[in-house]
């Protein structure tokens, strides 16, 4: 039974950490380069 309790505790802690990261907006820095580019026709097409 202790293994089940430990598993539930680990899942709950993971959920709390994930929720806090979302609320704080700790998602990292968005990419500063790249993005969308226009597609060109393939050669010979």
PDB file of N, CA and C in Angstrom:
ATOM      1  N   UNK A   1       0.818  -1.203   0.000  1.00  0.00           N
ATOM      2  CA  UNK A   1       0.000   0.000   0.000  1.00  0.00           C
ATOM      3  C   UNK A   1       0.855   1.257   0.000  1.00  0.00           C
ATOM      4  N   UNK A   2       2.037   1.164   0.596  1.00  0.00           N
ATOM      5  CA  UNK A   2       2.898   2.350   0.640  1.00  0.00           C
ATOM      6  C   UNK A   2       3.394   2.726  -0.757  1.00  0.00           C
ATOM      7  N   UNK A   3       3.571   1.730  -1.641  1.00  0.00           N
ATOM      8  CA  UNK A   3       4.006   2.036  -3.002  1.00  0.00           C
ATOM      9  C   UNK A   3       2.928   2.824  -3.736  1.00  0.00           C
ATOM     10  N   UNK A   4       1.670   2.445  -3.523  1.00  0.00           N
ATOM     11  CA  UNK A   4       0.564   3.170  -4.150  1.00  0.00           C
ATOM     12  C   UNK A   4       0.507   4.604  -3.623  1.00  0.00           C
ATOM     13  N   UNK A   5       0.666   4.761  -2.337  1.00  0.00           N
ATOM     14  CA  UNK A   5       0.640   6.085  -1.734  1.00  0.00           C
ATOM     15  C   UNK A   5       1.794   6.941  -2.251  1.00  0.00           C
ATOM     16  N   UNK A   6       2.964   6.323  -2.388  1.00  0.00           N
ATOM     17  CA  UNK A   6       4.132   7.047  -2.905  1.00  0.00           C
ATOM     18  C   UNK A   6       3.911   7.463  -4.353  1.00  0.00           C
ATOM     19  N   UNK A   7       3.313   6.591  -5.154  1.00  0.00           N
ATOM     20  CA  UNK A   7       3.028   6.925  -6.551  1.00  0.00           C
ATOM     21  C   UNK A   7       2.053   8.084  -6.671  1.00  0.00           C
ATOM     22  N   UNK A   8       1.023   8.070  -5.830  1.00  0.00           N
ATOM     23  CA  UNK A   8       0.065   9.167  -5.850  1.00  0.00           C
ATOM     24  C   UNK A   8       0.739  10.471  -5.439  1.00  0.00           C
ATOM     25  N   UNK A   9       1.619  10.410  -4.452  1.00  0.00           N
ATOM     26  CA  UNK A   9       2.342  11.601  -4.007  1.00  0.00           C
ATOM     27  C   UNK A   9       3.222  12.160  -5.123  1.00  0.00           C
ATOM     28  N   UNK A  10       3.917  11.283  -5.833  1.00  0.00           N
ATOM     29  CA  UNK A  10       4.783  11.731  -6.931  1.00  0.00           C
ATOM     30  C   UNK A  10       3.956  12.379  -8.035  1.00  0.00           C
ATOM     31  N   UNK A  11       2.825  11.774  -8.375  1.00  0.00           N
ATOM     32  CA  UNK A  11       1.963  12.353  -9.408  1.00  0.00           C
ATOM     33  C   UNK A  11       1.423  13.715  -8.976  1.00  0.00           C
ATOM     34  N   UNK A  12       1.021  13.818  -7.710  1.00  0.00           N
ATOM     35  CA  UNK A  12       0.485  15.083  -7.213  1.00  0.00           C
ATOM     36  C   UNK A  12       1.567  16.163  -7.228  1.00  0.00           C
ATOM     37  N   UNK A  13       2.775  15.817  -6.817  1.00  0.00           N
ATOM     38  CA  UNK A  13       3.860  16.803  -6.829  1.00  0.00           C
ATOM     39  C   UNK A  13       4.182  17.251  -8.255  1.00  0.00           C
ATOM     40  N   UNK A  14       4.172  16.307  -9.194  1.00  0.00           N
ATOM     41  CA  UNK A  14       4.420  16.663 -10.586  1.00  0.00           C
ATOM     42  C   UNK A  14       3.352  17.596 -11.121  1.00  0.00           C
ATOM     43  N   UNK A  15       2.097  17.337 -10.747  1.00  0.00           N
ATOM     44  CA  UNK A  15       1.001  18.200 -11.185  1.00  0.00           C
ATOM     45  C   UNK A  15       1.153  19.602 -10.605  1.00  0.00           C
ATOM     46  N   UNK A  16       1.522  19.692  -9.335  1.00  0.00           N
ATOM     47  CA  UNK A  16       1.677  21.002  -8.692  1.00  0.00           C
ATOM     48  C   UNK A  16       2.817  21.775  -9.337  1.00  0.00           C
ATOM     49  N   UNK A  17       3.944  21.114  -9.579  1.00  0.00           N
ATOM     50  CA  UNK A  17       5.075  21.790 -10.211  1.00  0.00           C
ATOM     51  C   UNK A  17       4.697  22.261 -11.612  1.00  0.00           C
ATOM     52  N   UNK A  18       4.004  21.425 -12.373  1.00  0.00           N
ATOM     53  CA  UNK A  18       3.572  21.819 -13.709  1.00  0.00           C
ATOM     54  C   UNK A  18       2.626  23.001 -13.683  1.00  0.00           C
ATOM     55  N   UNK A  19       1.693  22.992 -12.725  1.00  0.00           N
ATOM     56  CA  UNK A  19       0.745  24.102 -12.617  1.00  0.00           C
ATOM     57  C   UNK A  19       1.455  25.394 -12.243  1.00  0.00           C
ATOM     58  N   UNK A  20       2.400  25.317 -11.315  1.00  0.00           N
ATOM     59  CA  UNK A  20       3.134  26.515 -10.915  1.00  0.00           C
ATOM     60  C   UNK A  20       3.963  27.075 -12.079  1.00  0.00           C
ATOM     61  N   UNK A  21       4.571  26.179 -12.851  1.00  0.00           N
ATOM     62  CA  UNK A  21       5.357  26.650 -14.001  1.00  0.00           C
ATOM     63  C   UNK A  21       4.475  27.341 -15.017  1.00  0.00           C
ATOM     64  N   UNK A  22       3.277  26.803 -15.223  1.00  0.00           N
ATOM     65  CA  UNK A  22       2.346  27.430 -16.162  1.00  0.00           C
ATOM     66  C   UNK A  22       1.898  28.792 -15.668  1.00  0.00           C
ATOM     67  N   UNK A  23       1.583  28.871 -14.393  1.00  0.00           N
ATOM     68  CA  UNK A  23       1.099  30.133 -13.844  1.00  0.00           C
ATOM     69  C   UNK A  23       2.189  31.198 -13.843  1.00  0.00           C
ATOM     70  N   UNK A  24       3.417  30.799 -13.581  1.00  0.00           N
ATOM     71  CA  UNK A  24       4.520  31.752 -13.564  1.00  0.00           C
ATOM     72  C   UNK A  24       4.966  32.119 -14.971  1.00  0.00           C
ATOM     73  N   UNK A  25       4.624  31.299 -15.946  1.00  0.00           N
ATOM     74  CA  UNK A  25       5.043  31.567 -17.316  1.00  0.00           C
ATOM     75  C   UNK A  25       6.490  31.211 -17.545  1.00  0.00           C
ATOM     76  N   UNK A  26       6.965  30.202 -16.857  1.00  0.00           N
ATOM     77  CA  UNK A  26       8.372  29.804 -16.976  1.00  0.00           C
ATOM     78  C   UNK A  26       8.528  28.831 -18.144  1.00  0.00           C
ATOM     79  N   UNK A  27       8.209  29.303 -19.335  1.00  0.00           N
ATOM     80  CA  UNK A  27       8.278  28.437 -20.497  1.00  0.00           C
ATOM     81  C   UNK A  27       9.553  28.610 -21.292  1.00  0.00           C
ATOM     82  N   UNK A  28      10.450  29.447 -20.836  1.00  0.00           N
ATOM     83  CA  UNK A  28      11.670  29.700 -21.574  1.00  0.00           C
ATOM     84  C   UNK A  28      11.504  30.891 -22.497  1.00  0.00           C
ATOM     85  N   UNK A  29      12.525  31.154 -23.264  1.00  0.00           N
ATOM     86  CA  UNK A  29      12.528  32.303 -24.175  1.00  0.00           C
ATOM     87  C   UNK A  29      12.062  31.837 -25.547  1.00  0.00           C
ATOM     88  N   UNK A  30      11.113  32.530 -26.162  1.00  0.00           N
ATOM     89  CA  UNK A  30      10.702  32.140 -27.506  1.00  0.00           C
ATOM     90  C   UNK A  30      11.845  32.327 -28.504  1.00  0.00           C
ATOM     91  N   UNK A  31      11.832  31.581 -29.581  1.00  0.00           N
ATOM     92  CA  UNK A  31      12.925  31.698 -30.548  1.00  0.00           C
ATOM     93  C   UNK A  31      13.024  33.105 -31.113  1.00  0.00           C
ATOM     94  N   UNK A  32      14.238  33.597 -31.248  1.00  0.00           N
ATOM     95  CA  UNK A  32      14.477  34.950 -31.741  1.00  0.00           C
ATOM     96  C   UNK A  32      14.736  34.972 -33.244  1.00  0.00           C
ATOM     97  N   UNK A  33      14.937  33.819 -33.851  1.00  0.00           N
ATOM     98  CA  UNK A  33      15.209  33.753 -35.288  1.00  0.00           C
ATOM     99  C   UNK A  33      14.399  32.603 -35.870  1.00  0.00           C
ATOM    100  N   UNK A  34      14.323  32.567 -37.172  1.00  0.00           N
ATOM    101  CA  UNK A  34      13.584  31.496 -37.819  1.00  0.00           C
ATOM    102  C   UNK A  34      12.139  31.893 -38.031  1.00  0.00           C
ATOM    103  N   UNK A  35      11.267  30.933 -37.934  1.00  0.00           N
ATOM    104  CA  UNK A  35       9.853  31.213 -38.116  1.00  0.00           C
ATOM    105  C   UNK A  35       9.377  30.750 -39.475  1.00  0.00           C
ATOM    106  N   UNK A  36       8.326  31.385 -39.966  1.00  0.00           N
ATOM    107  CA  UNK A  36       7.736  30.999 -41.233  1.00  0.00           C
ATOM    108  C   UNK A  36       8.557  31.545 -42.395  1.00  0.00           C
ATOM    109  N   UNK A  37       8.576  30.768 -43.460  1.00  0.00           N
ATOM    110  CA  UNK A  37       9.195  31.253 -44.696  1.00  0.00           C
ATOM    111  C   UNK A  37       8.357  30.740 -45.858  1.00  0.00           C
ATOM    112  N   UNK A  38       8.409  31.472 -46.942  1.00  0.00           N
ATOM    113  CA  UNK A  38       7.623  31.058 -48.096  1.00  0.00           C
ATOM    114  C   UNK A  38       8.223  29.830 -48.736  1.00  0.00           C
ATOM    115  N   UNK A  39       7.346  28.941 -49.195  1.00  0.00           N
ATOM    116  CA  UNK A  39       7.800  27.740 -49.882  1.00  0.00           C
ATOM    117  C   UNK A  39       8.040  28.076 -51.347  1.00  0.00           C
ATOM    118  N   UNK A  40       9.077  27.473 -51.887  1.00  0.00           N
ATOM    119  CA  UNK A  40       9.374  27.650 -53.311  1.00  0.00           C
ATOM    120  C   UNK A  40       9.008  26.349 -54.036  1.00  0.00           C
ATOM    121  N   UNK A  41       8.784  26.471 -55.352  1.00  0.00           N
ATOM    122  CA  UNK A  41       8.493  25.277 -56.123  1.00  0.00           C
ATOM    123  C   UNK A  41       9.711  24.359 -56.111  1.00  0.00           C
ATOM    124  N   UNK A  42       9.468  23.054 -56.056  1.00  0.00           N
ATOM    125  CA  UNK A  42      10.620  22.130 -56.106  1.00  0.00           C
ATOM    126  C   UNK A  42      11.298  22.197 -57.463  1.00  0.00           C
ATOM    127  N   UNK A  43      12.600  21.963 -57.504  1.00  0.00           N
ATOM    128  CA  UNK A  43      13.298  22.019 -58.797  1.00  0.00           C
ATOM    129  C   UNK A  43      12.745  20.970 -59.767  1.00  0.00           C
ATOM    130  N   UNK A  44      12.575  21.382 -61.000  1.00  0.00           N
ATOM    131  CA  UNK A  44      12.065  20.457 -62.029  1.00  0.00           C
ATOM    132  C   UNK A  44      10.556  20.265 -61.955  1.00  0.00           C
ATOM    133  N   UNK A  45       9.852  21.050 -61.117  1.00  0.00           N
ATOM    134  CA  UNK A  45       8.425  20.809 -60.987  1.00  0.00           C
ATOM    135  C   UNK A  45       7.678  21.822 -61.728  1.00  0.00           C
TER     136      UNK A  45
END
